[in-house]
Amino acid sequence: LHETAYLNPALTIIFEDRRQAELDHEEFHESDGILGFV
């Protein structure tokens, strides 16, 4: 998902792993695109 965010700088991807007691929440938005990827 993070890779996909780098390739699409205008896209926001929100991830949540709800399987554990403590929620794993991450938001991916990479406005620098593949520059940021490298």
PDB file of all heavy atoms in Angstrom:
ATOM      1  N   LEU A   1       0.831  -1.208   0.000  1.00  0.00           N
ATOM      2  CA  LEU A   1       0.000   0.000   0.000  1.00  0.00           C
ATOM      3  C   LEU A   1       0.866   1.258   0.000  1.00  0.00           C
ATOM      4  O   LEU A   1       0.550   2.245  -0.677  1.00  0.00           O
ATOM      5  CB  LEU A   1      -0.939  -0.003   1.205  1.00  0.00           C
ATOM      6  CG  LEU A   1      -1.983  -1.130   1.259  1.00  0.00           C
ATOM      7  CD1 LEU A   1      -2.800  -1.029   2.534  1.00  0.00           C
ATOM      8  CD2 LEU A   1      -2.897  -1.107   0.030  1.00  0.00           C
ATOM      9  N   HIS A   2       1.967   1.209   0.754  1.00  0.00           N
ATOM     10  CA  HIS A   2       2.877   2.361   0.798  1.00  0.00           C
ATOM     11  C   HIS A   2       3.496   2.584  -0.584  1.00  0.00           C
ATOM     12  O   HIS A   2       3.602   3.714  -1.072  1.00  0.00           O
ATOM     13  CB  HIS A   2       3.972   2.118   1.841  1.00  0.00           C
ATOM     14  CG  HIS A   2       4.663   3.368   2.282  1.00  0.00           C
ATOM     15  ND1 HIS A   2       5.585   3.405   3.302  1.00  0.00           N
ATOM     16  CD2 HIS A   2       4.569   4.651   1.830  1.00  0.00           C
ATOM     17  CE1 HIS A   2       6.027   4.636   3.454  1.00  0.00           C
ATOM     18  NE2 HIS A   2       5.434   5.408   2.576  1.00  0.00           N
ATOM     19  N   GLU A   3       3.859   1.495  -1.223  1.00  0.00           N
ATOM     20  CA  GLU A   3       4.399   1.536  -2.592  1.00  0.00           C
ATOM     21  C   GLU A   3       3.384   2.190  -3.538  1.00  0.00           C
ATOM     22  O   GLU A   3       3.729   3.045  -4.358  1.00  0.00           O
ATOM     23  CB  GLU A   3       4.689   0.099  -3.020  1.00  0.00           C
ATOM     24  CG  GLU A   3       5.523  -0.082  -4.247  1.00  0.00           C
ATOM     25  CD  GLU A   3       5.839  -1.553  -4.452  1.00  0.00           C
ATOM     26  OE1 GLU A   3       6.844  -2.034  -3.912  1.00  0.00           O
ATOM     27  OE2 GLU A   3       5.058  -2.228  -5.153  1.00  0.00           O
ATOM     28  N   THR A   4       2.129   1.771  -3.412  1.00  0.00           N
ATOM     29  CA  THR A   4       1.059   2.313  -4.260  1.00  0.00           C
ATOM     30  C   THR A   4       0.885   3.815  -4.018  1.00  0.00           C
ATOM     31  O   THR A   4       0.640   4.580  -4.959  1.00  0.00           O
ATOM     32  CB  THR A   4      -0.267   1.572  -3.977  1.00  0.00           C
ATOM     33  OG1 THR A   4      -0.074   0.168  -4.220  1.00  0.00           O
ATOM     34  CG2 THR A   4      -1.392   2.077  -4.854  1.00  0.00           C
ATOM     35  N   ALA A   5       1.020   4.246  -2.766  1.00  0.00           N
ATOM     36  CA  ALA A   5       0.892   5.673  -2.443  1.00  0.00           C
ATOM     37  C   ALA A   5       2.010   6.486  -3.098  1.00  0.00           C
ATOM     38  O   ALA A   5       1.778   7.599  -3.591  1.00  0.00           O
ATOM     39  CB  ALA A   5       0.910   5.867  -0.930  1.00  0.00           C
ATOM     40  N   TYR A   6       3.239   5.940  -3.116  1.00  0.00           N
ATOM     41  CA  TYR A   6       4.343   6.639  -3.788  1.00  0.00           C
ATOM     42  C   TYR A   6       4.072   6.808  -5.283  1.00  0.00           C
ATOM     43  O   TYR A   6       4.436   7.809  -5.892  1.00  0.00           O
ATOM     44  CB  TYR A   6       5.641   5.847  -3.614  1.00  0.00           C
ATOM     45  CG  TYR A   6       6.349   6.070  -2.297  1.00  0.00           C
ATOM     46  CD1 TYR A   6       6.612   5.002  -1.443  1.00  0.00           C
ATOM     47  CD2 TYR A   6       6.770   7.339  -1.915  1.00  0.00           C
ATOM     48  CE1 TYR A   6       7.267   5.193  -0.240  1.00  0.00           C
ATOM     49  CE2 TYR A   6       7.427   7.536  -0.709  1.00  0.00           C
ATOM     50  CZ  TYR A   6       7.678   6.461   0.124  1.00  0.00           C
ATOM     51  OH  TYR A   6       8.327   6.671   1.313  1.00  0.00           O
ATOM     52  N   LEU A   7       3.429   5.805  -5.879  1.00  0.00           N
ATOM     53  CA  LEU A   7       3.188   5.834  -7.322  1.00  0.00           C
ATOM     54  C   LEU A   7       1.985   6.705  -7.690  1.00  0.00           C
ATOM     55  O   LEU A   7       1.771   6.999  -8.869  1.00  0.00           O
ATOM     56  CB  LEU A   7       2.967   4.403  -7.839  1.00  0.00           C
ATOM     57  CG  LEU A   7       4.198   3.490  -7.724  1.00  0.00           C
ATOM     58  CD1 LEU A   7       3.793   2.034  -7.868  1.00  0.00           C
ATOM     59  CD2 LEU A   7       5.247   3.846  -8.762  1.00  0.00           C
ATOM     60  N   ASN A   8       1.210   7.102  -6.679  1.00  0.00           N
ATOM     61  CA  ASN A   8       0.008   7.923  -6.907  1.00  0.00           C
ATOM     62  C   ASN A   8      -0.022   9.057  -5.883  1.00  0.00           C
ATOM     63  O   ASN A   8      -0.732   8.964  -4.867  1.00  0.00           O
ATOM     64  CB  ASN A   8      -1.250   7.052  -6.780  1.00  0.00           C
ATOM     65  CG  ASN A   8      -1.272   5.938  -7.804  1.00  0.00           C
ATOM     66  OD1 ASN A   8      -1.653   6.123  -8.946  1.00  0.00           O
ATOM     67  ND2 ASN A   8      -0.837   4.756  -7.395  1.00  0.00           N
ATOM     68  N   PRO A   9       0.735  10.129  -6.124  1.00  0.00           N
ATOM     69  CA  PRO A   9       0.914  11.164  -5.087  1.00  0.00           C
ATOM     70  C   PRO A   9      -0.354  11.902  -4.682  1.00  0.00           C
ATOM     71  O   PRO A   9      -0.371  12.541  -3.636  1.00  0.00           O
ATOM     72  CB  PRO A   9       1.939  12.118  -5.724  1.00  0.00           C
ATOM     73  CG  PRO A   9       1.977  11.782  -7.177  1.00  0.00           C
ATOM     74  CD  PRO A   9       1.581  10.356  -7.301  1.00  0.00           C
ATOM     75  N   ALA A  10      -1.425  11.802  -5.467  1.00  0.00           N
ATOM     76  CA  ALA A  10      -2.675  12.483  -5.095  1.00  0.00           C
ATOM     77  C   ALA A  10      -3.633  11.555  -4.349  1.00  0.00           C
ATOM     78  O   ALA A  10      -4.757  11.944  -4.012  1.00  0.00           O
ATOM     79  CB  ALA A  10      -3.363  13.038  -6.342  1.00  0.00           C
ATOM     80  N   LEU A  11      -3.205  10.333  -4.079  1.00  0.00           N
ATOM     81  CA  LEU A  11      -4.068   9.323  -3.443  1.00  0.00           C
ATOM     82  C   LEU A  11      -3.714   9.157  -1.965  1.00  0.00           C
ATOM     83  O   LEU A  11      -2.537   9.164  -1.596  1.00  0.00           O
ATOM     84  CB  LEU A  11      -3.882   7.978  -4.170  1.00  0.00           C
ATOM     85  CG  LEU A  11      -4.678   6.775  -3.673  1.00  0.00           C
ATOM     86  CD1 LEU A  11      -6.176   6.987  -3.854  1.00  0.00           C
ATOM     87  CD2 LEU A  11      -4.236   5.510  -4.412  1.00  0.00           C
ATOM     88  N   THR A  12      -4.729   9.010  -1.130  1.00  0.00           N
ATOM     89  CA  THR A  12      -4.530   8.702   0.289  1.00  0.00           C
ATOM     90  C   THR A  12      -5.032   7.286   0.557  1.00  0.00           C
ATOM     91  O   THR A  12      -6.149   6.940   0.164  1.00  0.00           O
ATOM     92  CB  THR A  12      -5.299   9.691   1.187  1.00  0.00           C
ATOM     93  OG1 THR A  12      -4.801  11.011   0.950  1.00  0.00           O
ATOM     94  CG2 THR A  12      -5.130   9.342   2.661  1.00  0.00           C
ATOM     95  N   ILE A  13      -4.191   6.479   1.206  1.00  0.00           N
ATOM     96  CA  ILE A  13      -4.577   5.102   1.544  1.00  0.00           C
ATOM     97  C   ILE A  13      -4.503   4.936   3.055  1.00  0.00           C
ATOM     98  O   ILE A  13      -3.477   5.222   3.680  1.00  0.00           O
ATOM     99  CB  ILE A  13      -3.664   4.069   0.850  1.00  0.00           C
ATOM    100  CG1 ILE A  13      -3.670   4.273  -0.662  1.00  0.00           C
ATOM    101  CG2 ILE A  13      -4.111   2.650   1.189  1.00  0.00           C
ATOM    102  CD1 ILE A  13      -2.756   3.333  -1.427  1.00  0.00           C
ATOM    103  N   ILE A  14      -5.610   4.480   3.638  1.00  0.00           N
ATOM    104  CA  ILE A  14      -5.678   4.275   5.093  1.00  0.00           C
ATOM    105  C   ILE A  14      -5.695   2.779   5.369  1.00  0.00           C
ATOM    106  O   ILE A  14      -6.467   2.029   4.763  1.00  0.00           O
ATOM    107  CB  ILE A  14      -6.936   4.941   5.675  1.00  0.00           C
ATOM    108  CG1 ILE A  14      -6.827   6.463   5.485  1.00  0.00           C
ATOM    109  CG2 ILE A  14      -7.111   4.595   7.146  1.00  0.00           C
ATOM    110  CD1 ILE A  14      -8.121   7.197   5.623  1.00  0.00           C
ATOM    111  N   PHE A  15      -4.821   2.355   6.269  1.00  0.00           N
ATOM    112  CA  PHE A  15      -4.721   0.926   6.616  1.00  0.00           C
ATOM    113  C   PHE A  15      -5.011   0.746   8.110  1.00  0.00           C
ATOM    114  O   PHE A  15      -4.533   1.527   8.928  1.00  0.00           O
ATOM    115  CB  PHE A  15      -3.322   0.399   6.304  1.00  0.00           C
ATOM    116  CG  PHE A  15      -3.061  -0.989   6.841  1.00  0.00           C
ATOM    117  CD1 PHE A  15      -3.437  -2.111   6.111  1.00  0.00           C
ATOM    118  CD2 PHE A  15      -2.462  -1.171   8.083  1.00  0.00           C
ATOM    119  CE1 PHE A  15      -3.215  -3.389   6.612  1.00  0.00           C
ATOM    120  CE2 PHE A  15      -2.235  -2.443   8.592  1.00  0.00           C
ATOM    121  CZ  PHE A  15      -2.614  -3.550   7.849  1.00  0.00           C
ATOM    122  N   GLU A  16      -5.783  -0.295   8.422  1.00  0.00           N
ATOM    123  CA  GLU A  16      -5.990  -0.665   9.823  1.00  0.00           C
ATOM    124  C   GLU A  16      -5.927  -2.171   9.972  1.00  0.00           C
ATOM    125  O   GLU A  16      -6.589  -2.902   9.229  1.00  0.00           O
ATOM    126  CB  GLU A  16      -7.350  -0.161  10.337  1.00  0.00           C
ATOM    127  CG  GLU A  16      -7.376   1.323  10.602  1.00  0.00           C
ATOM    128  CD  GLU A  16      -8.684   1.788  11.251  1.00  0.00           C
ATOM    129  OE1 GLU A  16      -9.529   0.910  11.586  1.00  0.00           O
ATOM    130  OE2 GLU A  16      -8.853   3.006  11.407  1.00  0.00           O
ATOM    131  N   ASP A  17      -5.130  -2.620  10.952  1.00  0.00           N
ATOM    132  CA  ASP A  17      -5.135  -4.031  11.344  1.00  0.00           C
ATOM    133  C   ASP A  17      -5.902  -4.102  12.662  1.00  0.00           C
ATOM    134  O   ASP A  17      -5.418  -3.675  13.705  1.00  0.00           O
ATOM    135  CB  ASP A  17      -3.703  -4.545  11.519  1.00  0.00           C
ATOM    136  CG  ASP A  17      -3.648  -6.053  11.781  1.00  0.00           C
ATOM    137  OD1 ASP A  17      -4.724  -6.658  11.973  1.00  0.00           O
ATOM    138  OD2 ASP A  17      -2.543  -6.620  11.795  1.00  0.00           O
ATOM    139  N   ARG A  18      -7.111  -4.642  12.576  1.00  0.00           N
ATOM    140  CA  ARG A  18      -8.004  -4.661  13.739  1.00  0.00           C
ATOM    141  C   ARG A  18      -7.967  -5.988  14.481  1.00  0.00           C
ATOM    142  O   ARG A  18      -8.788  -6.238  15.367  1.00  0.00           O
ATOM    143  CB  ARG A  18      -9.436  -4.386  13.263  1.00  0.00           C
ATOM    144  CG  ARG A  18      -9.592  -3.019  12.592  1.00  0.00           C
ATOM    145  CD  ARG A  18     -10.928  -2.864  11.902  1.00  0.00           C
ATOM    146  NE  ARG A  18     -11.181  -1.471  11.507  1.00  0.00           N
ATOM    147  CZ  ARG A  18     -12.252  -1.074  10.850  1.00  0.00           C
ATOM    148  NH1 ARG A  18     -13.182  -1.949  10.485  1.00  0.00           N
ATOM    149  NH2 ARG A  18     -12.405   0.212  10.534  1.00  0.00           N
ATOM    150  N   ARG A  19      -7.008  -6.853  14.128  1.00  0.00           N
ATOM    151  CA  ARG A  19      -7.002  -8.217  14.673  1.00  0.00           C
ATOM    152  C   ARG A  19      -6.371  -8.305  16.050  1.00  0.00           C
ATOM    153  O   ARG A  19      -6.596  -9.254  16.773  1.00  0.00           O
ATOM    154  CB  ARG A  19      -6.259  -9.147  13.695  1.00  0.00           C
ATOM    155  CG  ARG A  19      -6.933  -9.250  12.335  1.00  0.00           C
ATOM    156  CD  ARG A  19      -6.072 -10.003  11.338  1.00  0.00           C
ATOM    157  NE  ARG A  19      -4.802  -9.330  11.084  1.00  0.00           N
ATOM    158  CZ  ARG A  19      -3.868  -9.780  10.263  1.00  0.00           C
ATOM    159  NH1 ARG A  19      -4.057 -10.923   9.613  1.00  0.00           N
ATOM    160  NH2 ARG A  19      -2.747  -9.107  10.074  1.00  0.00           N
ATOM    161  N   GLN A  20      -5.525  -7.335  16.405  1.00  0.00           N
ATOM    162  CA  GLN A  20      -4.846  -7.364  17.693  1.00  0.00           C
ATOM    163  C   GLN A  20      -5.581  -6.475  18.708  1.00  0.00           C
ATOM    164  O   GLN A  20      -6.436  -5.675  18.338  1.00  0.00           O
ATOM    165  CB  GLN A  20      -3.395  -6.884  17.547  1.00  0.00           C
ATOM    166  CG  GLN A  20      -2.618  -7.567  16.438  1.00  0.00           C
ATOM    167  CD  GLN A  20      -2.515  -9.067  16.620  1.00  0.00           C
ATOM    168  OE1 GLN A  20      -2.471  -9.569  17.745  1.00  0.00           O
ATOM    169  NE2 GLN A  20      -2.498  -9.820  15.516  1.00  0.00           N
ATOM    170  N   ALA A  21      -5.188  -6.626  19.970  1.00  0.00           N
ATOM    171  CA  ALA A  21      -5.805  -5.815  21.026  1.00  0.00           C
ATOM    172  C   ALA A  21      -5.550  -4.328  20.770  1.00  0.00           C
ATOM    173  O   ALA A  21      -6.410  -3.480  20.991  1.00  0.00           O
ATOM    174  CB  ALA A  21      -5.243  -6.230  22.386  1.00  0.00           C
ATOM    175  N   GLU A  22      -4.336  -4.018  20.291  1.00  0.00           N
ATOM    176  CA  GLU A  22      -3.988  -2.630  20.003  1.00  0.00           C
ATOM    177  C   GLU A  22      -4.122  -2.384  18.502  1.00  0.00           C
ATOM    178  O   GLU A  22      -3.486  -3.071  17.691  1.00  0.00           O
ATOM    179  CB  GLU A  22      -2.542  -2.351  20.450  1.00  0.00           C
ATOM    180  CG  GLU A  22      -2.186  -0.879  20.411  1.00  0.00           C
ATOM    181  CD  GLU A  22      -0.794  -0.621  21.001  1.00  0.00           C
ATOM    182  OE1 GLU A  22      -0.351  -1.407  21.850  1.00  0.00           O
ATOM    183  OE2 GLU A  22      -0.171   0.362  20.575  1.00  0.00           O
ATOM    184  N   LEU A  23      -4.930  -1.423  18.129  1.00  0.00           N
ATOM    185  CA  LEU A  23      -5.190  -1.135  16.721  1.00  0.00           C
ATOM    186  C   LEU A  23      -3.927  -0.616  16.031  1.00  0.00           C
ATOM    187  O   LEU A  23      -3.243   0.272  16.538  1.00  0.00           O
ATOM    188  CB  LEU A  23      -6.297  -0.079  16.611  1.00  0.00           C
ATOM    189  CG  LEU A  23      -6.671   0.366  15.196  1.00  0.00           C
ATOM    190  CD1 LEU A  23      -7.404  -0.745  14.457  1.00  0.00           C
ATOM    191  CD2 LEU A  23      -7.533   1.633  15.250  1.00  0.00           C
ATOM    192  N   ASP A  24      -3.615  -1.181  14.871  1.00  0.00           N
ATOM    193  CA  ASP A  24      -2.513  -0.689  14.037  1.00  0.00           C
ATOM    194  C   ASP A  24      -3.123   0.154  12.925  1.00  0.00           C
ATOM    195  O   ASP A  24      -3.772  -0.366  12.024  1.00  0.00           O
ATOM    196  CB  ASP A  24      -1.739  -1.884  13.460  1.00  0.00           C
ATOM    197  CG  ASP A  24      -0.602  -1.458  12.525  1.00  0.00           C
ATOM    198  OD1 ASP A  24      -0.314  -0.242  12.468  1.00  0.00           O
ATOM    199  OD2 ASP A  24      -0.002  -2.333  11.874  1.00  0.00           O
ATOM    200  N   HIS A  25      -2.948   1.467  13.022  1.00  0.00           N
ATOM    201  CA  HIS A  25      -3.547   2.404  12.060  1.00  0.00           C
ATOM    202  C   HIS A  25      -2.432   3.185  11.374  1.00  0.00           C
ATOM    203  O   HIS A  25      -1.586   3.788  12.043  1.00  0.00           O
ATOM    204  CB  HIS A  25      -4.487   3.375  12.780  1.00  0.00           C
ATOM    205  CG  HIS A  25      -5.050   4.442  11.891  1.00  0.00           C
ATOM    206  ND1 HIS A  25      -6.308   4.368  11.325  1.00  0.00           N
ATOM    207  CD2 HIS A  25      -4.518   5.630  11.455  1.00  0.00           C
ATOM    208  CE1 HIS A  25      -6.526   5.458  10.588  1.00  0.00           C
ATOM    209  NE2 HIS A  25      -5.456   6.236  10.658  1.00  0.00           N
ATOM    210  N   GLU A  26      -2.412   3.166  10.042  1.00  0.00           N
ATOM    211  CA  GLU A  26      -1.419   3.948   9.298  1.00  0.00           C
ATOM    212  C   GLU A  26      -2.077   4.618   8.103  1.00  0.00           C
ATOM    213  O   GLU A  26      -2.998   4.063   7.501  1.00  0.00           O
ATOM    214  CB  GLU A  26      -0.257   3.062   8.829  1.00  0.00           C
ATOM    215  CG  GLU A  26       0.631   2.599   9.965  1.00  0.00           C
ATOM    216  CD  GLU A  26       2.019   2.198   9.499  1.00  0.00           C
ATOM    217  OE1 GLU A  26       2.596   2.919   8.660  1.00  0.00           O
ATOM    218  OE2 GLU A  26       2.510   1.160   9.963  1.00  0.00           O
ATOM    219  N   GLU A  27      -1.585   5.803   7.790  1.00  0.00           N
ATOM    220  CA  GLU A  27      -2.112   6.553   6.660  1.00  0.00           C
ATOM    221  C   GLU A  27      -0.965   6.827   5.694  1.00  0.00           C
ATOM    222  O   GLU A  27       0.090   7.311   6.101  1.00  0.00           O
ATOM    223  CB  GLU A  27      -2.705   7.873   7.162  1.00  0.00           C
ATOM    224  CG  GLU A  27      -3.718   8.459   6.210  1.00  0.00           C
ATOM    225  CD  GLU A  27      -4.589   9.519   6.887  1.00  0.00           C
ATOM    226  OE1 GLU A  27      -5.195   9.216   7.940  1.00  0.00           O
ATOM    227  OE2 GLU A  27      -4.647  10.636   6.346  1.00  0.00           O
ATOM    228  N   PHE A  28      -1.168   6.497   4.428  1.00  0.00           N
ATOM    229  CA  PHE A  28      -0.122   6.686   3.424  1.00  0.00           C
ATOM    230  C   PHE A  28      -0.564   7.750   2.415  1.00  0.00           C
ATOM    231  O   PHE A  28      -1.559   7.576   1.709  1.00  0.00           O
ATOM    232  CB  PHE A  28       0.161   5.372   2.690  1.00  0.00           C
ATOM    233  CG  PHE A  28       0.557   4.238   3.594  1.00  0.00           C
ATOM    234  CD1 PHE A  28      -0.294   3.151   3.784  1.00  0.00           C
ATOM    235  CD2 PHE A  28       1.765   4.256   4.270  1.00  0.00           C
ATOM    236  CE1 PHE A  28       0.052   2.115   4.624  1.00  0.00           C
ATOM    237  CE2 PHE A  28       2.137   3.218   5.110  1.00  0.00           C
ATOM    238  CZ  PHE A  28       1.280   2.147   5.293  1.00  0.00           C
ATOM    239  N   HIS A  29       0.188   8.839   2.389  1.00  0.00           N
ATOM    240  CA  HIS A  29      -0.025   9.880   1.384  1.00  0.00           C
ATOM    241  C   HIS A  29       1.354  10.441   1.057  1.00  0.00           C
ATOM    242  O   HIS A  29       1.992  11.062   1.911  1.00  0.00           O
ATOM    243  CB  HIS A  29      -0.951  10.976   1.893  1.00  0.00           C
ATOM    244  CG  HIS A  29      -1.176  12.063   0.874  1.00  0.00           C
ATOM    245  ND1 HIS A  29      -2.108  11.950  -0.140  1.00  0.00           N
ATOM    246  CD2 HIS A  29      -0.562  13.261   0.688  1.00  0.00           C
ATOM    247  CE1 HIS A  29      -2.066  13.034  -0.900  1.00  0.00           C
ATOM    248  NE2 HIS A  29      -1.143  13.846  -0.415  1.00  0.00           N
ATOM    249  N   GLU A  30       1.838  10.198  -0.145  1.00  0.00           N
ATOM    250  CA  GLU A  30       3.205  10.568  -0.509  1.00  0.00           C
ATOM    251  C   GLU A  30       3.169  11.597  -1.631  1.00  0.00           C
ATOM    252  O   GLU A  30       3.182  11.264  -2.814  1.00  0.00           O
ATOM    253  CB  GLU A  30       4.008   9.328  -0.920  1.00  0.00           C
ATOM    254  CG  GLU A  30       4.168   8.290   0.177  1.00  0.00           C
ATOM    255  CD  GLU A  30       5.023   8.780   1.344  1.00  0.00           C
ATOM    256  OE1 GLU A  30       5.702   9.828   1.198  1.00  0.00           O
ATOM    257  OE2 GLU A  30       5.004   8.122   2.399  1.00  0.00           O
ATOM    258  N   SER A  31       3.093  12.875  -1.246  1.00  0.00           N
ATOM    259  CA  SER A  31       2.944  13.940  -2.239  1.00  0.00           C
ATOM    260  C   SER A  31       4.182  14.095  -3.123  1.00  0.00           C
ATOM    261  O   SER A  31       4.098  14.660  -4.216  1.00  0.00           O
ATOM    262  CB  SER A  31       2.621  15.270  -1.547  1.00  0.00           C
ATOM    263  OG  SER A  31       3.606  15.546  -0.565  1.00  0.00           O
ATOM    264  N   ASP A  32       5.352  13.590  -2.672  1.00  0.00           N
ATOM    265  CA  ASP A  32       6.565  13.671  -3.493  1.00  0.00           C
ATOM    266  C   ASP A  32       6.633  12.563  -4.543  1.00  0.00           C
ATOM    267  O   ASP A  32       7.551  12.546  -5.359  1.00  0.00           O
ATOM    268  CB  ASP A  32       7.827  13.597  -2.617  1.00  0.00           C
ATOM    269  CG  ASP A  32       8.046  14.872  -1.830  1.00  0.00           C
ATOM    270  OD1 ASP A  32       7.456  15.902  -2.220  1.00  0.00           O
ATOM    271  OD2 ASP A  32       8.791  14.841  -0.836  1.00  0.00           O
ATOM    272  N   GLY A  33       5.699  11.627  -4.506  1.00  0.00           N
ATOM    273  CA  GLY A  33       5.663  10.566  -5.513  1.00  0.00           C
ATOM    274  C   GLY A  33       6.907   9.702  -5.537  1.00  0.00           C
ATOM    275  O   GLY A  33       7.485   9.396  -4.491  1.00  0.00           O
ATOM    276  N   ILE A  34       7.364   9.340  -6.747  1.00  0.00           N
ATOM    277  CA  ILE A  34       8.496   8.404  -6.832  1.00  0.00           C
ATOM    278  C   ILE A  34       9.814   9.048  -6.392  1.00  0.00           C
ATOM    279  O   ILE A  34      10.773   8.325  -6.079  1.00  0.00           O
ATOM    280  CB  ILE A  34       8.633   7.774  -8.232  1.00  0.00           C
ATOM    281  CG1 ILE A  34       8.942   8.808  -9.304  1.00  0.00           C
ATOM    282  CG2 ILE A  34       7.385   6.966  -8.587  1.00  0.00           C
ATOM    283  CD1 ILE A  34       9.330   8.181 -10.645  1.00  0.00           C
ATOM    284  N   LEU A  35       9.876  10.368  -6.339  1.00  0.00           N
ATOM    285  CA  LEU A  35      11.043  11.030  -5.729  1.00  0.00           C
ATOM    286  C   LEU A  35      11.179  10.590  -4.276  1.00  0.00           C
ATOM    287  O   LEU A  35      12.256  10.236  -3.803  1.00  0.00           O
ATOM    288  CB  LEU A  35      10.874  12.549  -5.789  1.00  0.00           C
ATOM    289  CG  LEU A  35      11.580  13.310  -6.910  1.00  0.00           C
ATOM    290  CD1 LEU A  35      11.171  14.771  -6.867  1.00  0.00           C
ATOM    291  CD2 LEU A  35      13.078  13.191  -6.763  1.00  0.00           C
ATOM    292  N   GLY A  36      10.051  10.617  -3.563  1.00  0.00           N
ATOM    293  CA  GLY A  36      10.040  10.161  -2.172  1.00  0.00           C
ATOM    294  C   GLY A  36      10.312   8.673  -2.063  1.00  0.00           C
ATOM    295  O   GLY A  36      10.934   8.201  -1.109  1.00  0.00           O
ATOM    296  N   PHE A  37       9.846   7.910  -3.048  1.00  0.00           N
ATOM    297  CA  PHE A  37      10.050   6.462  -3.079  1.00  0.00           C
ATOM    298  C   PHE A  37      11.547   6.142  -3.105  1.00  0.00           C
ATOM    299  O   PHE A  37      12.063   5.340  -2.310  1.00  0.00           O
ATOM    300  CB  PHE A  37       9.344   5.889  -4.316  1.00  0.00           C
ATOM    301  CG  PHE A  37       9.168   4.395  -4.325  1.00  0.00           C
ATOM    302  CD1 PHE A  37       8.436   3.801  -5.349  1.00  0.00           C
ATOM    303  CD2 PHE A  37       9.720   3.578  -3.346  1.00  0.00           C
ATOM    304  CE1 PHE A  37       8.252   2.424  -5.391  1.00  0.00           C
ATOM    305  CE2 PHE A  37       9.543   2.201  -3.374  1.00  0.00           C
ATOM    306  CZ  PHE A  37       8.813   1.622  -4.396  1.00  0.00           C
ATOM    307  N   VAL A  38      12.267   6.791  -4.022  1.00  0.00           N
ATOM    308  CA  VAL A  38      13.705   6.551  -4.139  1.00  0.00           C
ATOM    309  C   VAL A  38      14.437   6.969  -2.862  1.00  0.00           C
ATOM    310  O   VAL A  38      15.330   6.271  -2.370  1.00  0.00           O
ATOM    311  CB  VAL A  38      14.275   7.273  -5.375  1.00  0.00           C
ATOM    312  CG1 VAL A  38      15.797   7.302  -5.346  1.00  0.00           C
ATOM    313  CG2 VAL A  38      13.806   6.584  -6.647  1.00  0.00           C
TER     314      VAL A  38
END
